[in-house]
């Protein structure tokens, strides 16, 4: 797995994950568990949904 999540994307995913979990706890809903997906993808810096679309928000490596 190559990293396809950049630093800004990683921070946004982590914050969004925390917010989704907090809202799920507040409303006592299992939907808050979706926030874990955001936190895990931010932690491993890899998103499987980016693969089919060949998206990468990380730094590109320039060939010399």
C-alpha atoms as a PDB file:
ATOM      1  CA  UNK A   1       0.000   0.000   0.000  1.00  0.00           C
ATOM      2  CA  UNK A   2       1.357   3.347  -0.965  1.00  0.00           C
ATOM      3  CA  UNK A   3       0.236   6.406   0.938  1.00  0.00           C
ATOM      4  CA  UNK A   4      -2.438   8.310  -0.945  1.00  0.00           C
ATOM      5  CA  UNK A   5      -3.539  10.704   1.813  1.00  0.00           C
ATOM      6  CA  UNK A   6      -1.724  13.992   2.353  1.00  0.00           C
ATOM      7  CA  UNK A   7      -1.283  15.902   5.595  1.00  0.00           C
ATOM      8  CA  UNK A   8      -4.261  18.245   5.131  1.00  0.00           C
ATOM      9  CA  UNK A   9      -6.549  15.360   4.122  1.00  0.00           C
ATOM     10  CA  UNK A  10      -5.292  13.371   7.109  1.00  0.00           C
ATOM     11  CA  UNK A  11      -6.073  16.181   9.566  1.00  0.00           C
ATOM     12  CA  UNK A  12      -9.537  16.742   8.089  1.00  0.00           C
ATOM     13  CA  UNK A  13     -10.344  13.035   8.272  1.00  0.00           C
ATOM     14  CA  UNK A  14      -9.183  12.800  11.879  1.00  0.00           C
ATOM     15  CA  UNK A  15     -11.217  15.825  12.990  1.00  0.00           C
ATOM     16  CA  UNK A  16     -14.277  14.647  11.039  1.00  0.00           C
ATOM     17  CA  UNK A  17     -13.964  11.207  12.627  1.00  0.00           C
ATOM     18  CA  UNK A  18     -13.884  12.662  16.135  1.00  0.00           C
ATOM     19  CA  UNK A  19     -16.922  14.865  15.373  1.00  0.00           C
ATOM     20  CA  UNK A  20     -18.916  11.975  13.881  1.00  0.00           C
ATOM     21  CA  UNK A  21     -18.156   9.781  16.887  1.00  0.00           C
ATOM     22  CA  UNK A  22     -19.132  12.577  19.294  1.00  0.00           C
ATOM     23  CA  UNK A  23     -22.435  13.161  17.465  1.00  0.00           C
ATOM     24  CA  UNK A  24     -23.121   9.419  17.486  1.00  0.00           C
ATOM     25  CA  UNK A  25     -22.521   9.287  21.229  1.00  0.00           C
ATOM     26  CA  UNK A  26     -24.675  12.368  21.827  1.00  0.00           C
ATOM     27  CA  UNK A  27     -27.627  10.945  19.890  1.00  0.00           C
ATOM     28  CA  UNK A  28     -26.932   7.388  21.123  1.00  0.00           C
ATOM     29  CA  UNK A  29     -26.711   6.088  17.576  1.00  0.00           C
ATOM     30  CA  UNK A  30     -24.582   3.379  16.015  1.00  0.00           C
ATOM     31  CA  UNK A  31     -23.989   5.699  13.069  1.00  0.00           C
ATOM     32  CA  UNK A  32     -21.209   7.260  15.131  1.00  0.00           C
ATOM     33  CA  UNK A  33     -19.139   4.153  14.430  1.00  0.00           C
ATOM     34  CA  UNK A  34     -18.619   5.471  10.893  1.00  0.00           C
ATOM     35  CA  UNK A  35     -16.209   7.961  12.455  1.00  0.00           C
ATOM     36  CA  UNK A  36     -13.845   5.064  13.112  1.00  0.00           C
ATOM     37  CA  UNK A  37     -13.407   4.601   9.365  1.00  0.00           C
ATOM     38  CA  UNK A  38     -12.210   8.188   9.051  1.00  0.00           C
ATOM     39  CA  UNK A  39      -9.780   7.797  11.952  1.00  0.00           C
ATOM     40  CA  UNK A  40      -8.364   4.491  10.673  1.00  0.00           C
ATOM     41  CA  UNK A  41      -7.811   5.813   7.143  1.00  0.00           C
ATOM     42  CA  UNK A  42      -6.120   8.895   8.603  1.00  0.00           C
ATOM     43  CA  UNK A  43      -3.886   6.719  10.779  1.00  0.00           C
ATOM     44  CA  UNK A  44      -2.740   4.388   7.997  1.00  0.00           C
ATOM     45  CA  UNK A  45      -2.642   7.204   5.377  1.00  0.00           C
ATOM     46  CA  UNK A  46      -4.366   5.025   2.781  1.00  0.00           C
ATOM     47  CA  UNK A  47      -7.913   5.233   1.424  1.00  0.00           C
ATOM     48  CA  UNK A  48      -9.247   2.326  -0.640  1.00  0.00           C
ATOM     49  CA  UNK A  49     -11.881   4.563  -2.273  1.00  0.00           C
ATOM     50  CA  UNK A  50      -9.130   6.639  -3.870  1.00  0.00           C
ATOM     51  CA  UNK A  51      -7.714   3.650  -5.805  1.00  0.00           C
ATOM     52  CA  UNK A  52     -10.315   3.240  -8.594  1.00  0.00           C
ATOM     53  CA  UNK A  53     -10.233   6.971  -9.291  1.00  0.00           C
ATOM     54  CA  UNK A  54      -6.422   7.202  -9.046  1.00  0.00           C
ATOM     55  CA  UNK A  55      -6.662  10.067  -6.569  1.00  0.00           C
ATOM     56  CA  UNK A  56      -3.785  10.983  -4.305  1.00  0.00           C
ATOM     57  CA  UNK A  57      -3.711  13.985  -2.004  1.00  0.00           C
ATOM     58  CA  UNK A  58      -0.171  13.195  -0.880  1.00  0.00           C
ATOM     59  CA  UNK A  59       3.016  14.674  -2.239  1.00  0.00           C
ATOM     60  CA  UNK A  60       3.876  13.387  -5.686  1.00  0.00           C
ATOM     61  CA  UNK A  61       7.332  11.984  -6.340  1.00  0.00           C
ATOM     62  CA  UNK A  62       8.946  13.671  -9.317  1.00  0.00           C
ATOM     63  CA  UNK A  63      11.082  11.561 -11.617  1.00  0.00           C
ATOM     64  CA  UNK A  64      14.504  13.028 -12.189  1.00  0.00           C
END
